[in-house]
Amino acid sequence: MFDAFAELCDGLEVLLAGAARRDLAERVSHGRTFADACARLEPHIAAHSLPVGRTTLRLKAAVAALDALTKTEGFNVLNDWDGPAVRISTTTIPVDVLRFLGAARAAQPADPCVLAVLIDYYVMHVLALLTLRVWDAGDPNANLDRVSALLAQLQGPNGSGHRFAEDPETLLLIGTSHYEPEDHGYERYLQRVPLLNAAHQHALAMCHAASLGAHLRFGFEAPYVRNVRLMREDNIVDYPWLAYGLRTLLRELDDERDEDRRARTLEAICCGLTGDAPALLAQPDIAAGVARHRGALMAALTAMRPTQERYAPLALFFNFAFNVVKGAVVDAMLWGAPRAVSLNDFFTGIIPDDSASPSSAARTGLAVTLMNYARQHPDRIRGQLLPVIVYEPATGRRALADALRALQN
């Protein structure tokens, strides 16, 4: 029997283990303009066919099988929504980005370091597709661990140096954070989550609480113009996932003794609550959990007040998390240097002094850059032209004040 998940993992292990990605970037770049190099790279990405040494790694059959199954469940992981055409795009997201950059840097010399980022971006999407298939056969925890190992290889020394996500659970978030014309898949996948172990559920809760909080803050301030009723009606599939994240993290707080882990958990809960604290606190189990930790949550929330001096996750809001990842890739390819700030780095302002993580200034700088790009290329949402990524400390302070009032009642 054809096991597409195992076959795709096996193929990616071969691709990621050596210098194949760098070799491909060098090969298509040699002596050419950027536009020419992109034109030579596109067939490999579009056909899921990549040279590895003297052989060709053909991933198309496995990718197509998993993609088709995932689409029947409501998710187009590899393809974006084409708003003007009112349909799912017929080209994949990596190909869309490749064509955009090929036109933007057309006459410039081809840069293999830049094209290496694009190749890694393609692999990231394939890994995101794999995360949605971990429940198909075998142990979902073991399957997710295998994707985790592949992600570590992707972002390891053989890659471009660009960071996308810190764990496979965040890849799942990225893969499901597009606009989907059908939304039945969100409930289906949430029903599968209890099959994961505590560690995987913690990671899933952390990224979803932070991301969906930012997503709802964006909706409240921008397309819904602070009309909470409209926001709740239009984001009905997001609230169960956000509630799941908060319930999971609140239960963990009951027994958490590690100070660093506790601080990050409190921060993620606060990020989630700022999405719509009144609606979330109307759920009895969340209200009870918040009541048990009200003092700690209020202290953590107060400490998260956005300022101009340091990066603040509450100052960042966006329509979809995958746009943040795509924006960072476009920025890296325009400027010719990979970015070390992952999506997870945007979800926290806690940076230990001895940490190798990106600095507060690096996070703020990239967030502002992405906002400026988004302002130059706004999307039409509910009839308005809006930037899809915004970093504004003043707006973050307003969201914090609203959440504090809800916690105090």
Protein backbone atom coordinates (compact mmCIF):
# COMPACT_ATOMS: atom_id res chain seq x y z
CA MET A 1 0.00 0.00 0.00
CA PHE A 2 1.24 3.47 -0.92
CA ASP A 3 2.15 5.32 2.28
CA ALA A 4 2.41 8.92 1.11
CA PHE A 5 3.33 10.29 4.54
CA ALA A 6 6.27 7.92 5.00
CA GLU A 7 7.41 8.29 1.40
CA LEU A 8 7.39 12.09 1.61
CA CYS A 9 9.28 12.05 4.91
CA ASP A 10 11.85 9.65 3.46
CA GLY A 11 12.34 11.89 0.44
CA LEU A 12 12.69 15.04 2.49
CA GLU A 13 15.29 13.37 4.72
CA VAL A 14 17.41 12.77 1.62
CA LEU A 15 16.93 16.34 0.40
CA LEU A 16 17.67 17.97 3.76
CA ALA A 17 20.60 15.82 4.87
CA GLY A 18 23.23 17.21 2.52
CA ALA A 19 24.04 20.12 0.24
CA ALA A 20 21.31 19.48 -2.35
CA ARG A 21 19.43 22.70 -1.65
CA ARG A 22 22.55 24.84 -1.86
CA ASP A 23 23.64 23.02 -5.00
CA LEU A 24 20.28 23.69 -6.66
CA ALA A 25 20.43 27.38 -5.76
CA GLU A 26 23.95 27.62 -7.19
CA ARG A 27 23.01 25.73 -10.34
CA VAL A 28 20.04 27.93 -11.31
CA SER A 29 21.92 31.13 -10.36
CA HIS A 30 25.20 30.60 -12.22
CA GLY A 31 25.91 33.54 -14.54
CA ARG A 32 22.29 34.61 -14.79
CA THR A 33 19.94 37.45 -13.91
CA PHE A 34 17.55 37.02 -11.04
CA ALA A 35 14.59 36.65 -13.41
CA ASP A 36 16.40 33.94 -15.38
CA ALA A 37 17.35 32.07 -12.22
CA CYS A 38 13.75 32.16 -10.96
CA ALA A 39 12.53 30.85 -14.32
CA ARG A 40 14.99 27.94 -14.05
CA LEU A 41 14.02 27.19 -10.45
CA GLU A 42 10.24 27.33 -10.95
CA PRO A 43 9.83 23.97 -12.75
CA HIS A 44 11.57 22.17 -9.88
CA ILE A 45 9.31 23.79 -7.26
CA ALA A 46 6.12 23.49 -9.28
CA ALA A 47 6.69 19.83 -10.11
CA HIS A 48 8.05 18.86 -6.67
CA SER A 49 11.09 17.47 -8.47
CA LEU A 50 14.49 18.37 -7.08
CA PRO A 51 17.98 17.21 -8.07
CA VAL A 52 19.95 15.47 -5.36
CA GLY A 53 23.45 14.62 -6.54
CA ARG A 54 23.16 12.69 -9.78
CA THR A 55 19.56 11.66 -9.18
CA THR A 56 16.24 13.48 -9.10
CA LEU A 57 14.03 13.38 -6.03
CA ARG A 58 10.44 13.10 -7.25
CA LEU A 59 7.98 14.07 -4.53
CA LYS A 60 4.98 14.89 -6.72
CA ALA A 61 2.98 11.68 -6.18
CA ALA A 62 3.26 11.82 -2.38
CA VAL A 63 2.59 15.58 -2.21
CA ALA A 64 -0.40 15.29 -4.55
CA ALA A 65 -1.92 12.43 -2.53
CA LEU A 66 -1.62 14.26 0.80
CA ASP A 67 -2.69 17.59 -0.70
CA ALA A 68 -5.80 16.08 -2.28
CA LEU A 69 -6.82 14.43 1.00
CA THR A 70 -6.23 17.66 2.92
CA LYS A 71 -8.31 19.64 0.44
CA THR A 72 -11.26 17.30 0.94
CA GLU A 73 -11.04 18.18 4.63
CA GLY A 74 -11.19 21.91 3.94
CA PHE A 75 -7.58 23.14 3.81
CA ASN A 76 -5.51 24.42 0.90
CA VAL A 77 -2.12 24.35 2.57
CA LEU A 78 -0.06 24.90 -0.59
CA ASN A 79 -2.34 27.40 -2.35
CA ASP A 80 -3.58 30.84 -1.37
CA TRP A 81 -6.95 32.47 -1.92
CA ASP A 82 -6.99 34.68 -5.03
CA GLY A 83 -9.27 37.53 -3.97
CA PRO A 84 -9.67 39.30 -7.33
CA ALA A 85 -10.46 36.01 -9.08
CA VAL A 86 -12.63 34.81 -6.15
CA ARG A 87 -11.08 31.33 -6.14
CA ILE A 88 -8.15 29.34 -4.82
CA SER A 89 -4.99 30.12 -6.79
CA THR A 90 -3.94 27.47 -9.30
CA THR A 91 -0.24 28.02 -8.45
CA THR A 92 1.35 27.22 -5.12
CA ILE A 93 2.35 29.91 -2.65
CA PRO A 94 6.11 29.32 -3.14
CA VAL A 95 5.67 29.71 -6.92
CA ASP A 96 3.64 32.90 -6.39
CA VAL A 97 6.44 34.33 -4.25
CA LEU A 98 9.11 33.18 -6.70
CA ARG A 99 7.34 34.97 -9.58
CA PHE A 100 6.89 38.13 -7.52
CA LEU A 101 10.57 38.24 -6.61
CA GLY A 102 11.63 37.34 -10.14
CA ALA A 103 9.83 40.42 -11.40
CA ALA A 104 10.94 42.67 -8.53
CA ARG A 105 14.65 41.86 -8.96
CA ALA A 106 14.49 40.93 -12.64
CA ALA A 107 17.70 42.50 -14.02
CA GLN A 108 19.79 42.08 -10.88
CA PRO A 109 22.43 39.34 -10.73
CA ALA A 110 21.13 36.05 -9.44
CA ASP A 111 22.01 35.45 -5.79
CA PRO A 112 22.11 31.79 -4.69
CA CYS A 113 21.77 32.80 -1.02
CA VAL A 114 18.46 34.46 -1.81
CA LEU A 115 17.16 31.56 -3.88
CA ALA A 116 18.13 29.19 -1.07
CA VAL A 117 15.59 30.99 1.13
CA LEU A 118 12.91 30.35 -1.48
CA ILE A 119 13.81 26.65 -1.70
CA ASP A 120 13.55 26.37 2.08
CA TYR A 121 10.21 28.23 1.95
CA TYR A 122 8.96 25.57 -0.46
CA VAL A 123 10.09 22.78 1.87
CA MET A 124 8.43 24.53 4.81
CA HIS A 125 5.09 24.33 3.00
CA VAL A 126 5.54 20.63 2.35
CA LEU A 127 6.30 20.12 6.05
CA ALA A 128 3.18 22.12 6.96
CA LEU A 129 1.18 19.77 4.74
CA LEU A 130 2.67 16.80 6.58
CA THR A 131 1.56 18.16 9.98
CA LEU A 132 -2.08 17.89 8.91
CA ARG A 133 -1.63 14.23 8.02
CA VAL A 134 -0.03 12.96 11.24
CA TRP A 135 -3.36 11.43 12.34
CA ASP A 136 -3.86 9.33 9.20
CA ALA A 137 -2.02 6.17 10.28
CA GLY A 138 0.19 5.05 13.15
CA ASP A 139 1.00 7.11 16.23
CA PRO A 140 0.31 10.82 15.60
CA ASN A 141 2.88 11.75 18.24
CA ALA A 142 5.62 9.75 16.53
CA ASN A 143 4.58 11.21 13.18
CA LEU A 144 4.74 14.74 14.57
CA ASP A 145 8.13 14.00 16.09
CA ARG A 146 9.34 12.95 12.65
CA VAL A 147 8.17 16.26 11.17
CA SER A 148 9.93 18.03 14.04
CA ALA A 149 13.21 16.33 13.09
CA LEU A 150 12.73 17.39 9.47
CA LEU A 151 12.07 20.98 10.56
CA ALA A 152 15.32 20.96 12.54
CA GLN A 153 17.16 19.79 9.42
CA LEU A 154 15.44 22.42 7.29
CA GLN A 155 16.68 25.17 9.59
CA GLY A 156 20.03 23.53 10.28
CA PRO A 157 23.52 24.18 8.86
CA ASN A 158 22.71 22.82 5.38
CA GLY A 159 19.95 25.37 4.83
CA SER A 160 19.62 29.03 3.95
CA GLY A 161 19.74 30.26 7.56
CA HIS A 162 16.18 31.60 7.42
CA ARG A 163 13.94 30.65 10.35
CA PHE A 164 10.26 29.97 9.86
CA ALA A 165 8.96 28.27 13.01
CA GLU A 166 10.25 26.66 16.17
CA ASP A 167 8.10 23.53 16.14
CA PRO A 168 5.81 21.49 13.86
CA GLU A 169 2.73 22.65 15.77
CA THR A 170 3.43 26.16 14.49
CA LEU A 171 3.75 24.75 10.96
CA LEU A 172 0.25 23.34 11.39
CA LEU A 173 -0.91 26.81 12.39
CA ILE A 174 0.75 28.34 9.32
CA GLY A 175 -0.80 25.74 7.03
CA THR A 176 -4.32 26.39 8.31
CA SER A 177 -4.16 30.18 8.65
CA HIS A 178 -5.30 31.08 5.13
CA TYR A 179 -8.72 32.26 4.10
CA GLU A 180 -10.67 29.11 3.26
CA PRO A 181 -14.01 29.26 1.41
CA GLU A 182 -15.11 26.19 3.41
CA ASP A 183 -14.44 26.18 7.16
CA HIS A 184 -15.55 22.70 8.23
CA GLY A 185 -11.93 21.54 8.60
CA TYR A 186 -11.21 23.55 11.73
CA GLU A 187 -13.62 21.59 13.90
CA ARG A 188 -12.45 18.30 12.40
CA TYR A 189 -8.82 18.94 13.34
CA LEU A 190 -9.66 20.25 16.79
CA GLN A 191 -11.41 16.94 17.49
CA ARG A 192 -8.15 15.13 16.72
CA VAL A 193 -5.99 17.17 19.08
CA PRO A 194 -6.70 15.04 22.22
CA LEU A 195 -4.81 12.18 20.53
CA LEU A 196 -1.60 14.18 20.96
CA ASN A 197 0.52 13.96 24.10
CA ALA A 198 0.92 16.77 26.62
CA ALA A 199 4.08 18.19 25.06
CA HIS A 200 2.56 18.50 21.60
CA GLN A 201 -0.66 19.92 23.00
CA HIS A 202 1.32 22.53 24.95
CA ALA A 203 3.11 23.68 21.80
CA LEU A 204 -0.16 23.71 19.85
CA ALA A 205 -1.89 25.74 22.58
CA MET A 206 0.98 28.23 22.86
CA CYS A 207 1.11 29.18 19.20
CA HIS A 208 -2.67 29.20 18.70
CA ALA A 209 -3.35 31.35 21.76
CA ALA A 210 -0.82 33.97 20.68
CA SER A 211 -1.65 33.90 16.98
CA LEU A 212 -5.42 33.93 17.28
CA GLY A 213 -5.22 36.73 19.82
CA ALA A 214 -3.31 38.79 17.25
CA HIS A 215 -5.74 37.74 14.51
CA LEU A 216 -8.78 38.89 16.49
CA ARG A 217 -7.08 42.12 17.57
CA PHE A 218 -6.54 42.84 13.88
CA GLY A 219 -10.19 42.16 13.09
CA PHE A 220 -11.47 44.28 15.97
CA GLU A 221 -9.35 47.30 15.05
CA ALA A 222 -9.41 47.12 11.26
CA PRO A 223 -12.15 45.42 9.18
CA TYR A 224 -14.77 45.36 11.99
CA VAL A 225 -13.98 48.89 13.22
CA ARG A 226 -14.27 47.83 16.89
CA ASN A 227 -17.67 46.21 16.29
CA VAL A 228 -17.32 43.09 18.43
CA ARG A 229 -20.58 41.55 17.21
CA LEU A 230 -19.39 41.54 13.60
CA MET A 231 -16.04 40.11 14.64
CA ARG A 232 -17.61 37.23 16.54
CA GLU A 233 -19.99 36.38 13.70
CA ASP A 234 -17.24 36.42 11.07
CA ASN A 235 -14.65 34.46 13.09
CA ILE A 236 -16.81 31.72 14.50
CA VAL A 237 -14.30 28.95 13.70
CA ASP A 238 -11.46 30.74 15.49
CA TYR A 239 -13.02 30.93 18.94
CA PRO A 240 -13.04 27.15 19.66
CA TRP A 241 -9.33 26.90 18.80
CA LEU A 242 -8.51 29.93 20.93
CA ALA A 243 -10.61 28.57 23.80
CA TYR A 244 -8.80 25.23 23.50
CA GLY A 245 -5.44 26.98 23.74
CA LEU A 246 -6.47 28.96 26.81
CA ARG A 247 -8.00 25.96 28.61
CA THR A 248 -4.89 23.90 28.00
CA LEU A 249 -2.50 26.58 29.22
CA LEU A 250 -4.63 27.52 32.23
CA ARG A 251 -4.66 23.86 33.37
CA GLU A 252 -0.90 23.69 33.00
CA LEU A 253 -0.49 26.76 35.21
CA ASP A 254 -2.09 24.89 38.09
CA ASP A 255 0.99 22.67 38.46
CA GLU A 256 3.72 24.59 36.65
CA ARG A 257 6.74 25.28 38.86
CA ASP A 258 9.41 26.19 36.30
CA GLU A 259 9.58 30.00 36.39
CA ASP A 260 10.61 30.53 32.77
CA ARG A 261 7.98 28.17 31.38
CA ARG A 262 5.37 29.68 33.68
CA ALA A 263 6.20 33.21 32.48
CA ARG A 264 5.88 32.20 28.83
CA THR A 265 2.62 30.39 29.51
CA LEU A 266 1.17 33.44 31.27
CA GLU A 267 2.27 35.61 28.35
CA ALA A 268 0.58 33.33 25.80
CA ILE A 269 -2.65 33.32 27.83
CA CYS A 270 -2.60 37.11 28.00
CA CYS A 271 -2.04 37.35 24.24
CA GLY A 272 -5.03 35.08 23.69
CA LEU A 273 -7.32 36.90 26.10
CA THR A 274 -6.69 40.25 24.41
CA GLY A 275 -8.40 38.87 21.30
CA ASP A 276 -11.83 39.11 22.96
CA ALA A 277 -11.65 38.77 26.74
CA PRO A 278 -15.41 39.25 27.44
CA ALA A 279 -16.43 36.42 25.08
CA LEU A 280 -13.72 34.09 26.36
CA LEU A 281 -14.45 34.79 30.02
CA ALA A 282 -18.13 34.01 29.37
CA GLN A 283 -17.07 30.35 29.07
CA PRO A 284 -17.24 28.91 32.61
CA ASP A 285 -14.14 26.73 32.48
CA ILE A 286 -11.99 29.56 31.14
CA ALA A 287 -13.45 31.96 33.69
CA ALA A 288 -12.68 29.50 36.48
CA GLY A 289 -9.11 29.04 35.28
CA VAL A 290 -8.59 32.78 35.02
CA ALA A 291 -10.05 33.24 38.51
CA ARG A 292 -7.50 30.78 39.93
CA HIS A 293 -4.64 32.79 38.43
CA ARG A 294 -6.15 36.28 38.26
CA GLY A 295 -3.37 37.99 40.19
CA ALA A 296 -0.59 36.43 38.13
CA LEU A 297 -2.40 37.14 34.87
CA MET A 298 -3.04 40.77 35.71
CA ALA A 299 0.58 41.23 36.73
CA ALA A 300 1.80 39.57 33.53
CA LEU A 301 -0.58 41.60 31.39
CA THR A 302 0.48 44.85 33.03
CA ALA A 303 4.14 43.98 32.43
CA MET A 304 3.38 43.41 28.73
CA ARG A 305 2.34 47.04 28.17
CA PRO A 306 3.74 47.96 24.74
CA THR A 307 6.34 50.72 24.62
CA GLN A 308 8.63 52.11 21.95
CA GLU A 309 11.70 50.78 23.78
CA ARG A 310 11.22 47.00 23.43
CA TYR A 311 9.39 44.51 21.29
CA ALA A 312 5.82 43.84 22.43
CA PRO A 313 3.70 40.97 21.06
CA LEU A 314 0.51 42.89 21.90
CA ALA A 315 1.54 45.59 19.42
CA LEU A 316 1.50 43.09 16.53
CA PHE A 317 -1.73 42.15 14.83
CA PHE A 318 -2.41 40.56 11.46
CA ASN A 319 -5.10 38.91 9.37
CA PHE A 320 -3.36 35.52 8.95
CA ALA A 321 -0.17 34.14 10.47
CA PHE A 322 1.05 32.78 7.14
CA ASN A 323 1.23 36.36 5.80
CA VAL A 324 3.79 37.18 8.50
CA VAL A 325 5.93 34.23 7.39
CA LYS A 326 5.54 35.14 3.71
CA GLY A 327 6.38 38.77 4.40
CA ALA A 328 9.60 37.81 6.19
CA VAL A 329 10.59 35.60 3.23
CA VAL A 330 9.92 38.39 0.72
CA ASP A 331 11.93 40.82 2.87
CA ALA A 332 14.84 38.35 3.06
CA MET A 333 14.83 37.84 -0.70
CA LEU A 334 14.57 41.54 -1.50
CA TRP A 335 17.50 42.41 0.75
CA GLY A 336 19.57 39.33 0.09
CA ALA A 337 19.87 38.03 3.65
CA PRO A 338 17.92 35.38 5.60
CA ARG A 339 15.98 36.47 8.67
CA ALA A 340 16.56 34.84 12.05
CA VAL A 341 13.20 35.98 13.50
CA SER A 342 10.71 33.11 13.37
CA LEU A 343 6.95 33.38 13.68
CA ASN A 344 7.23 32.15 17.28
CA ASP A 345 9.69 34.95 18.07
CA PHE A 346 6.95 37.44 17.22
CA PHE A 347 4.69 35.82 19.83
CA THR A 348 6.87 36.68 22.83
CA GLY A 349 8.65 39.64 24.34
CA ILE A 350 10.48 37.46 26.87
CA ILE A 351 14.13 37.22 25.81
CA PRO A 352 16.57 35.90 28.43
CA ASP A 353 19.84 37.82 28.67
CA ASP A 354 21.87 34.74 27.75
CA SER A 355 19.59 33.71 24.91
CA ALA A 356 20.73 33.23 21.33
CA SER A 357 17.25 34.25 20.18
CA PRO A 358 16.79 37.39 18.06
CA SER A 359 17.02 40.61 20.02
CA SER A 360 14.10 42.84 20.85
CA ALA A 361 15.40 45.34 18.30
CA ALA A 362 15.54 42.65 15.59
CA ARG A 363 11.93 41.64 16.26
CA THR A 364 10.70 45.22 16.31
CA GLY A 365 12.66 46.12 13.20
CA LEU A 366 11.26 43.24 11.16
CA ALA A 367 7.71 43.80 12.47
CA VAL A 368 7.85 47.45 11.38
CA THR A 369 9.32 46.47 8.01
CA LEU A 370 6.51 43.99 7.42
CA MET A 371 3.95 46.63 8.37
CA ASN A 372 5.46 49.08 5.89
CA TYR A 373 5.34 46.46 3.12
CA ALA A 374 1.73 45.69 4.02
CA ARG A 375 0.82 49.37 3.84
CA GLN A 376 2.37 49.62 0.38
CA HIS A 377 0.43 46.56 -0.80
CA PRO A 378 -2.93 46.59 1.06
CA ASP A 379 -5.56 43.88 0.66
CA ARG A 380 -9.25 44.56 0.15
CA ILE A 381 -11.05 43.23 3.23
CA ARG A 382 -14.80 43.79 3.69
CA GLY A 383 -14.60 46.50 1.04
CA GLN A 384 -11.67 48.35 2.64
CA LEU A 385 -8.04 48.53 1.53
CA LEU A 386 -6.09 47.51 4.62
CA PRO A 387 -2.53 46.46 5.51
CA VAL A 388 -2.64 42.85 6.66
CA ILE A 389 0.20 43.24 9.19
CA VAL A 390 0.40 46.10 11.68
CA TYR A 391 2.81 46.86 14.51
CA GLU A 392 1.49 49.74 16.65
CA PRO A 393 2.34 49.99 20.37
CA ALA A 394 -0.45 52.53 20.93
CA THR A 395 -3.08 50.12 19.62
CA GLY A 396 -1.53 47.35 21.68
CA ARG A 397 -1.90 49.47 24.82
CA ARG A 398 -5.59 49.91 24.02
CA ALA A 399 -6.06 46.14 23.68
CA LEU A 400 -4.25 45.64 26.99
CA ALA A 401 -6.51 48.16 28.74
CA ASP A 402 -9.63 46.44 27.39
CA ALA A 403 -8.41 43.06 28.65
CA LEU A 404 -7.50 44.42 32.08
CA ARG A 405 -11.01 45.87 32.47
CA ALA A 406 -12.52 42.49 31.60
CA LEU A 407 -10.28 40.71 34.13
CA GLN A 408 -11.16 43.20 36.86
CA ASN A 409 -14.92 42.67 36.51
